[in-house]
């Protein structure tokens, strides 16, 4: 179950049926889009990546917000994601990442006016044969990521071969940078140079597609020469940085908070084993609170005994193994905490804040993974906080 509901900022406005939920501050997203747009030329368009349910934030709410804030394109990973946006009444152009190889995918992509990615002449032919009317496609070229795309040195020949095919127009040309977020720019600059050489060659031949794009979030901030006709931003619009060295470039505000209710409080003596496997044992008389969220909601079991939660503006240590639906926190030093209080796992409470990036660091991964792991059973509720915090 995914619930997209507009709420105010007071905790008591959250429905009592919500044991745990994701709060999304659309005001923060709007600020982030504006901040990024200010770094672009007026002629450069902004594409918002809302795949994986808007990186866990709720694709429809995010899409509406970014479009109202200055984005002109959206991007998704699957046909189903694109259909969801169209069903919500969103009419903006939608780029579909990744090629489609089956007719059952191609037909709805055409029906719902998604602009597909292609990587070969065979893929272009499939769309040419299936399309009842002209459609626009984007050719992906491989400049060094080695994941998708025709070799950049073969792209010119492919575009020429595609020109006679009916009902398809190569409207876009793009590539993806593998290391734009790295401190060392050497590899990214190699890819950028290859892409520039290709674009220059296509211009000389008079076959440059009208929409050329290369920049992801990191390149949008670090490499202005990659902006071309459009930039594709994902992580930064949600208020997270691709790396610590990007923080001085632009001020972003995280949009996502993760919260859950305390459903039980008890006191146990010293030496008490806590949760499955007794991976934590109390060293003092300890007051414990059970919080109604667990790994079934996307709080990784590998975070057990490693994270803090915020309750009434104070940090409380998570103790014991994280279970599917509950976790335990030590509230011995917060005697005022009681059943019904809201615990913040990610986000701000009072003067303190916990970032999803902290989780990612503990897990040896990236914030993208932690965000998209948040379960669909967590309702997504939106709010419009004022900026700055």
Protein backbone atom coordinates (compact mmCIF):
# COMPACT_ATOMS: atom_id res chain seq x y z
CA UNK A 1 0.00 0.00 0.00
CA UNK A 2 1.35 3.41 -0.98
CA UNK A 3 -0.59 6.45 0.19
CA UNK A 4 0.05 9.89 -1.25
CA UNK A 5 -1.62 12.35 1.08
CA UNK A 6 -1.15 16.07 1.73
CA UNK A 7 -0.57 16.78 5.41
CA UNK A 8 0.46 19.63 7.62
CA UNK A 9 3.59 19.56 9.71
CA UNK A 10 2.19 18.66 13.12
CA UNK A 11 2.79 15.10 14.30
CA UNK A 12 -0.77 14.77 15.58
CA UNK A 13 -2.07 15.32 12.03
CA UNK A 14 -0.65 11.96 10.95
CA UNK A 15 -3.52 9.43 10.90
CA UNK A 16 -3.49 6.99 13.80
CA UNK A 17 -3.56 4.13 11.31
CA UNK A 18 0.00 4.99 10.27
CA UNK A 19 2.34 2.84 12.38
CA UNK A 20 5.24 4.13 10.29
CA UNK A 21 5.48 6.42 7.30
CA UNK A 22 7.64 8.42 4.93
CA UNK A 23 7.22 12.19 4.99
CA UNK A 24 8.21 14.09 1.86
CA UNK A 25 8.78 17.83 2.01
CA UNK A 26 7.79 19.08 -1.43
CA UNK A 27 9.04 22.54 -0.48
CA UNK A 28 12.56 21.13 -0.19
CA UNK A 29 12.30 19.51 -3.62
CA UNK A 30 11.06 22.77 -5.10
CA UNK A 31 14.01 24.61 -3.54
CA UNK A 32 16.48 22.05 -4.88
CA UNK A 33 15.10 22.27 -8.42
CA UNK A 34 15.32 26.06 -8.32
CA UNK A 35 18.90 25.92 -7.03
CA UNK A 36 19.94 23.59 -9.84
CA UNK A 37 18.12 25.58 -12.53
CA UNK A 38 20.05 28.67 -11.51
CA UNK A 39 23.26 26.89 -12.50
CA UNK A 40 22.05 26.19 -16.05
CA UNK A 41 21.92 28.28 -19.19
CA UNK A 42 18.38 29.44 -20.00
CA UNK A 43 18.40 27.19 -23.08
CA UNK A 44 19.29 24.04 -21.11
CA UNK A 45 16.30 21.98 -20.06
CA UNK A 46 16.06 20.04 -16.82
CA UNK A 47 14.96 16.41 -16.66
CA UNK A 48 13.84 14.98 -13.32
CA UNK A 49 14.51 11.28 -12.72
CA UNK A 50 11.52 9.80 -10.87
CA UNK A 51 12.20 6.09 -11.37
CA UNK A 52 11.86 3.65 -8.46
CA UNK A 53 8.85 5.62 -7.16
CA UNK A 54 10.81 8.84 -7.18
CA UNK A 55 13.74 7.28 -5.30
CA UNK A 56 11.26 6.25 -2.62
CA UNK A 57 9.69 9.72 -2.32
CA UNK A 58 6.55 9.04 -4.37
CA UNK A 59 6.83 9.48 -8.13
CA UNK A 60 3.57 11.29 -8.83
CA UNK A 61 3.93 13.90 -6.07
CA UNK A 62 7.57 14.50 -7.00
CA UNK A 63 6.76 14.76 -10.72
CA UNK A 64 4.07 17.36 -10.15
CA UNK A 65 6.36 19.37 -7.89
CA UNK A 66 9.41 19.40 -10.14
CA UNK A 67 7.37 20.31 -13.22
CA UNK A 68 5.86 23.26 -11.37
CA UNK A 69 9.35 24.30 -10.21
CA UNK A 70 10.99 24.41 -13.63
CA UNK A 71 11.70 20.88 -14.84
CA UNK A 72 10.39 20.15 -18.32
CA UNK A 73 11.14 16.42 -18.67
CA UNK A 74 10.74 13.29 -16.56
CA UNK A 75 12.52 9.94 -16.76
CA UNK A 76 11.55 6.46 -15.61
CA UNK A 77 13.05 2.99 -15.80
CA UNK A 78 10.01 0.89 -16.73
CA UNK A 79 6.93 1.15 -18.90
CA UNK A 80 4.77 0.65 -15.81
CA UNK A 81 6.37 3.67 -14.14
CA UNK A 82 5.59 5.78 -17.18
CA UNK A 83 2.00 4.58 -17.31
CA UNK A 84 1.55 5.51 -13.64
CA UNK A 85 2.53 9.10 -14.42
CA UNK A 86 0.25 9.31 -17.43
CA UNK A 87 -2.64 7.85 -15.41
CA UNK A 88 -2.10 10.67 -12.90
CA UNK A 89 -2.67 13.20 -15.66
CA UNK A 90 0.99 14.16 -16.18
CA UNK A 91 1.53 15.21 -19.79
CA UNK A 92 5.23 16.19 -19.80
CA UNK A 93 7.63 14.29 -22.07
CA UNK A 94 8.89 11.12 -20.39
CA UNK A 95 12.18 9.44 -21.27
CA UNK A 96 12.23 5.70 -20.75
CA UNK A 97 15.67 4.50 -19.65
CA UNK A 98 16.71 1.10 -20.96
CA UNK A 99 15.78 -0.60 -24.23
CA UNK A 100 12.58 -2.55 -24.82
CA UNK A 101 12.92 -5.89 -26.59
CA UNK A 102 9.41 -7.41 -26.47
CA UNK A 103 6.31 -6.37 -28.36
CA UNK A 104 4.26 -6.41 -25.15
CA UNK A 105 6.50 -3.61 -23.85
CA UNK A 106 6.81 -1.67 -27.07
CA UNK A 107 3.09 -1.27 -27.72
CA UNK A 108 2.18 0.35 -24.36
CA UNK A 109 5.29 2.54 -24.53
CA UNK A 110 3.99 3.93 -27.81
CA UNK A 111 0.40 4.16 -26.56
CA UNK A 112 1.39 6.18 -23.49
CA UNK A 113 3.76 8.46 -25.42
CA UNK A 114 6.94 7.39 -23.66
CA UNK A 115 10.16 8.25 -25.47
CA UNK A 116 12.19 5.02 -25.48
CA UNK A 117 15.92 4.47 -25.35
CA UNK A 118 17.46 2.43 -28.15
CA UNK A 119 20.93 0.94 -28.41
CA UNK A 120 20.94 -0.79 -31.82
CA UNK A 121 19.47 -0.66 -35.30
CA UNK A 122 17.40 -3.77 -34.57
CA UNK A 123 15.76 -2.00 -31.64
CA UNK A 124 14.98 1.01 -33.81
CA UNK A 125 13.44 -1.27 -36.46
CA UNK A 126 11.11 -2.80 -33.85
CA UNK A 127 9.68 0.61 -33.03
CA UNK A 128 9.47 1.53 -36.70
CA UNK A 129 7.45 -1.59 -37.41
CA UNK A 130 5.19 -1.23 -34.35
CA UNK A 131 4.46 2.49 -34.41
CA UNK A 132 1.17 3.49 -36.09
CA UNK A 133 2.38 7.10 -36.18
CA UNK A 134 5.73 8.90 -35.84
CA UNK A 135 7.44 8.53 -32.46
CA UNK A 136 10.61 10.03 -31.01
CA UNK A 137 13.42 7.84 -29.69
CA UNK A 138 16.70 8.51 -27.87
CA UNK A 139 19.89 6.79 -28.96
CA UNK A 140 22.18 5.82 -26.10
CA UNK A 141 25.88 5.63 -26.80
CA UNK A 142 28.55 3.97 -24.68
CA UNK A 143 31.42 6.32 -23.90
CA UNK A 144 32.86 4.26 -21.07
CA UNK A 145 30.13 2.98 -18.75
CA UNK A 146 29.98 -0.38 -20.61
CA UNK A 147 26.40 -1.03 -19.52
CA UNK A 148 24.10 0.09 -22.33
CA UNK A 149 24.51 1.82 -25.66
CA UNK A 150 26.16 1.46 -29.02
CA UNK A 151 29.86 2.26 -29.14
CA UNK A 152 30.19 6.03 -29.51
CA UNK A 153 32.36 5.62 -32.61
CA UNK A 154 29.55 3.73 -34.37
CA UNK A 155 26.73 6.12 -33.54
CA UNK A 156 27.02 8.24 -36.69
CA UNK A 157 26.61 5.22 -38.93
CA UNK A 158 23.59 4.02 -36.94
CA UNK A 159 21.83 7.40 -37.12
CA UNK A 160 22.30 7.44 -40.89
CA UNK A 161 20.94 3.89 -41.17
CA UNK A 162 17.88 4.84 -39.11
CA UNK A 163 16.94 7.92 -41.15
CA UNK A 164 15.03 6.04 -43.90
CA UNK A 165 12.97 4.02 -41.41
CA UNK A 166 9.34 5.15 -41.17
CA UNK A 167 7.63 6.43 -38.02
CA UNK A 168 10.80 6.86 -35.94
CA UNK A 169 12.89 9.97 -35.35
CA UNK A 170 16.15 9.97 -33.40
CA UNK A 171 15.20 12.98 -31.31
CA UNK A 172 17.78 12.48 -28.59
CA UNK A 173 21.37 11.36 -28.17
CA UNK A 174 22.80 10.60 -24.74
CA UNK A 175 25.40 8.77 -22.70
CA UNK A 176 25.99 8.09 -19.02
CA UNK A 177 29.04 9.01 -16.96
CA UNK A 178 30.46 6.26 -14.78
CA UNK A 179 32.60 8.34 -12.39
CA UNK A 180 31.24 11.90 -12.39
CA UNK A 181 30.93 11.73 -8.59
CA UNK A 182 34.59 10.76 -8.06
CA UNK A 183 37.13 13.14 -6.58
CA UNK A 184 39.52 12.29 -9.42
CA UNK A 185 37.94 13.63 -12.64
CA UNK A 186 40.22 11.87 -15.13
CA UNK A 187 37.86 9.08 -16.22
CA UNK A 188 34.85 11.38 -16.39
CA UNK A 189 36.80 13.85 -18.53
CA UNK A 190 37.74 11.03 -20.92
CA UNK A 191 34.07 10.16 -21.37
CA UNK A 192 33.12 13.81 -21.79
CA UNK A 193 35.75 14.25 -24.49
CA UNK A 194 34.50 11.21 -26.42
CA UNK A 195 30.94 12.47 -26.27
CA UNK A 196 31.98 15.95 -27.44
CA UNK A 197 33.87 14.44 -30.40
CA UNK A 198 30.76 12.51 -31.39
CA UNK A 199 28.47 15.54 -31.12
CA UNK A 200 30.90 17.66 -33.16
CA UNK A 201 31.06 14.98 -35.85
CA UNK A 202 27.27 14.73 -36.04
CA UNK A 203 27.01 18.51 -36.35
CA UNK A 204 29.47 18.52 -39.24
CA UNK A 205 27.43 15.83 -40.96
CA UNK A 206 24.18 17.68 -40.33
CA UNK A 207 22.64 14.78 -38.40
CA UNK A 208 22.91 15.99 -34.80
CA UNK A 209 19.73 15.04 -32.92
CA UNK A 210 17.88 18.06 -31.51
CA UNK A 211 18.27 16.94 -27.88
CA UNK A 212 21.78 16.03 -26.69
CA UNK A 213 22.28 15.15 -23.01
CA UNK A 214 25.07 13.75 -20.88
CA UNK A 215 25.01 15.24 -17.37
CA UNK A 216 23.74 13.31 -14.37
CA UNK A 217 23.44 14.93 -10.93
CA UNK A 218 27.17 14.96 -10.28
CA UNK A 219 28.12 16.26 -13.71
CA UNK A 220 25.42 18.92 -13.55
CA UNK A 221 27.19 20.35 -10.51
CA UNK A 222 30.82 19.67 -11.42
CA UNK A 223 31.10 19.85 -15.22
CA UNK A 224 29.16 22.71 -16.86
CA UNK A 225 30.51 21.63 -20.25
CA UNK A 226 28.23 18.57 -20.04
CA UNK A 227 25.00 20.53 -19.85
CA UNK A 228 24.32 20.58 -23.62
CA UNK A 229 20.55 20.75 -24.31
CA UNK A 230 19.35 19.00 -21.15
CA UNK A 231 20.61 17.72 -17.79
CA UNK A 232 19.25 14.66 -15.99
CA UNK A 233 19.12 15.01 -12.21
CA UNK A 234 18.10 12.42 -9.66
CA UNK A 235 19.76 12.40 -6.25
CA UNK A 236 20.32 16.15 -5.95
CA UNK A 237 16.66 17.05 -6.44
CA UNK A 238 15.91 14.98 -3.34
CA UNK A 239 18.45 17.02 -1.37
CA UNK A 240 21.37 14.59 -1.23
CA UNK A 241 24.88 15.13 -2.55
CA UNK A 242 26.72 12.69 -4.85
CA UNK A 243 29.74 13.10 -2.56
CA UNK A 244 31.04 15.26 0.26
CA UNK A 245 33.10 17.40 -2.13
CA UNK A 246 29.89 18.68 -3.75
CA UNK A 247 28.54 20.35 -0.61
CA UNK A 248 30.28 23.68 -1.24
CA UNK A 249 28.82 23.99 -4.74
CA UNK A 250 25.13 24.37 -3.93
CA UNK A 251 22.85 24.33 -0.89
CA UNK A 252 20.36 21.46 -0.96
CA UNK A 253 17.72 20.38 1.53
CA UNK A 254 16.84 16.70 2.12
CA UNK A 255 13.20 16.06 1.31
CA UNK A 256 12.61 12.71 3.00
CA UNK A 257 11.95 11.85 6.62
CA UNK A 258 11.19 8.39 7.99
CA UNK A 259 9.11 8.14 11.14
CA UNK A 260 7.36 5.52 13.28
CA UNK A 261 5.34 5.37 16.47
CA UNK A 262 6.45 4.01 19.81
CA UNK A 263 3.95 1.28 20.66
CA UNK A 264 5.29 -0.13 23.94
CA UNK A 265 7.59 0.92 26.80
CA UNK A 266 9.08 -1.32 29.46
CA UNK A 267 11.97 -1.42 31.94
CA UNK A 268 14.34 -4.38 32.18
CA UNK A 269 17.14 -5.22 34.67
CA UNK A 270 20.88 -5.33 33.93
CA UNK A 271 21.99 -8.39 31.97
CA UNK A 272 18.80 -8.70 29.92
CA UNK A 273 19.22 -10.07 26.39
CA UNK A 274 17.46 -7.98 23.75
CA UNK A 275 15.67 -9.18 20.60
CA UNK A 276 16.55 -12.15 18.37
CA UNK A 277 19.92 -13.73 19.13
CA UNK A 278 20.45 -11.47 22.15
CA UNK A 279 22.93 -9.42 20.10
CA UNK A 280 22.65 -6.72 22.78
CA UNK A 281 22.62 -7.22 26.53
CA UNK A 282 21.83 -4.42 28.97
CA UNK A 283 24.55 -3.24 31.33
CA UNK A 284 22.19 -1.24 33.56
CA UNK A 285 18.54 -1.02 34.46
CA UNK A 286 17.23 0.01 31.04
CA UNK A 287 14.04 1.60 29.79
CA UNK A 288 13.19 0.26 26.34
CA UNK A 289 10.77 1.52 23.72
CA UNK A 290 9.44 -0.66 20.92
CA UNK A 291 9.14 1.28 17.65
CA UNK A 292 6.74 0.01 15.00
CA UNK A 293 9.08 -0.30 12.02
CA UNK A 294 11.53 -2.96 10.87
CA UNK A 295 13.35 -4.55 7.97
CA UNK A 296 10.01 -5.30 6.32
CA UNK A 297 9.78 -1.54 5.87
CA UNK A 298 13.29 -1.14 4.52
CA UNK A 299 15.30 -0.62 7.72
CA UNK A 300 18.13 -3.01 6.99
CA UNK A 301 18.77 -5.72 9.56
CA UNK A 302 22.47 -4.96 9.06
CA UNK A 303 21.91 -1.64 10.86
CA UNK A 304 21.19 -3.48 14.12
CA UNK A 305 22.95 -1.90 17.12
CA UNK A 306 24.46 0.79 14.87
CA UNK A 307 21.96 3.63 14.45
CA UNK A 308 20.26 6.30 16.54
CA UNK A 309 16.67 7.49 16.40
CA UNK A 310 15.41 10.91 17.43
CA UNK A 311 12.62 11.13 20.00
CA UNK A 312 11.49 14.48 21.36
CA UNK A 313 14.60 16.05 19.86
CA UNK A 314 17.03 13.67 21.58
CA UNK A 315 19.04 10.74 20.24
CA UNK A 316 18.17 7.24 21.42
CA UNK A 317 20.34 4.26 20.54
CA UNK A 318 18.80 1.36 18.67
CA UNK A 319 19.56 -1.88 20.52
CA UNK A 320 19.20 -5.53 19.64
CA UNK A 321 18.52 -7.14 16.29
CA UNK A 322 16.16 -5.26 14.00
CA UNK A 323 13.14 -7.46 13.34
CA UNK A 324 10.67 -7.46 10.47
CA UNK A 325 8.16 -5.10 12.03
CA UNK A 326 9.72 -3.61 15.18
CA UNK A 327 12.95 -2.23 16.55
CA UNK A 328 13.98 -1.40 20.12
CA UNK A 329 15.59 1.78 21.40
CA UNK A 330 17.17 2.67 24.73
CA UNK A 331 15.23 5.58 26.28
CA UNK A 332 16.68 5.31 29.78
CA UNK A 333 17.97 8.88 29.58
CA UNK A 334 14.68 10.22 28.22
CA UNK A 335 12.15 9.44 30.96
CA UNK A 336 9.50 11.68 29.37
CA UNK A 337 9.18 9.44 26.29
CA UNK A 338 5.98 7.39 26.24
CA UNK A 339 3.73 5.23 24.07
CA UNK A 340 2.39 7.10 21.08
CA UNK A 341 5.45 9.31 20.68
CA UNK A 342 6.90 9.59 17.19
CA UNK A 343 10.46 8.40 16.60
CA UNK A 344 12.43 9.81 13.67
CA UNK A 345 14.77 7.40 11.92
CA UNK A 346 15.70 9.76 9.09
CA UNK A 347 15.14 13.50 9.16
CA UNK A 348 15.03 16.34 11.64
CA UNK A 349 13.60 16.52 15.17
CA UNK A 350 14.41 19.68 17.07
CA UNK A 351 17.99 20.79 16.49
CA UNK A 352 19.27 17.37 15.46
CA UNK A 353 19.09 15.58 12.13
CA UNK A 354 19.83 12.06 10.87
CA UNK A 355 20.63 11.61 7.18
CA UNK A 356 19.95 8.56 5.04
CA UNK A 357 23.61 8.97 4.05
CA UNK A 358 24.55 7.84 7.59
CA UNK A 359 22.76 4.56 6.96
CA UNK A 360 24.48 4.15 3.62
CA UNK A 361 27.88 4.68 5.22
CA UNK A 362 27.19 2.04 7.89
CA UNK A 363 26.03 -0.39 5.19
CA UNK A 364 28.90 0.27 2.81
CA UNK A 365 26.54 1.38 0.07
CA UNK A 366 25.09 4.58 -1.42
CA UNK A 367 22.02 6.63 -0.42
CA UNK A 368 20.22 5.57 -3.61
CA UNK A 369 20.00 1.99 -2.34
CA UNK A 370 18.80 2.95 1.13
CA UNK A 371 16.13 5.29 -0.30
CA UNK A 372 14.76 2.85 -2.83
CA UNK A 373 14.71 0.05 -0.23
CA UNK A 374 11.95 1.82 1.71
CA UNK A 375 8.95 -0.48 1.41
CA UNK A 376 5.75 0.34 -0.50
CA UNK A 377 3.85 -0.57 2.68
CA UNK A 378 5.07 2.70 4.17
CA UNK A 379 2.54 5.44 3.33
CA UNK A 380 4.08 8.46 1.63
CA UNK A 381 2.68 11.66 3.05
CA UNK A 382 3.60 15.08 1.69
CA UNK A 383 4.06 18.40 3.39
CA UNK A 384 5.08 21.91 2.45
CA UNK A 385 7.61 23.09 5.03
CA UNK A 386 9.22 26.49 4.73
CA UNK A 387 12.84 26.71 3.61
CA UNK A 388 15.41 27.05 5.12
CA UNK A 389 14.91 24.68 8.02
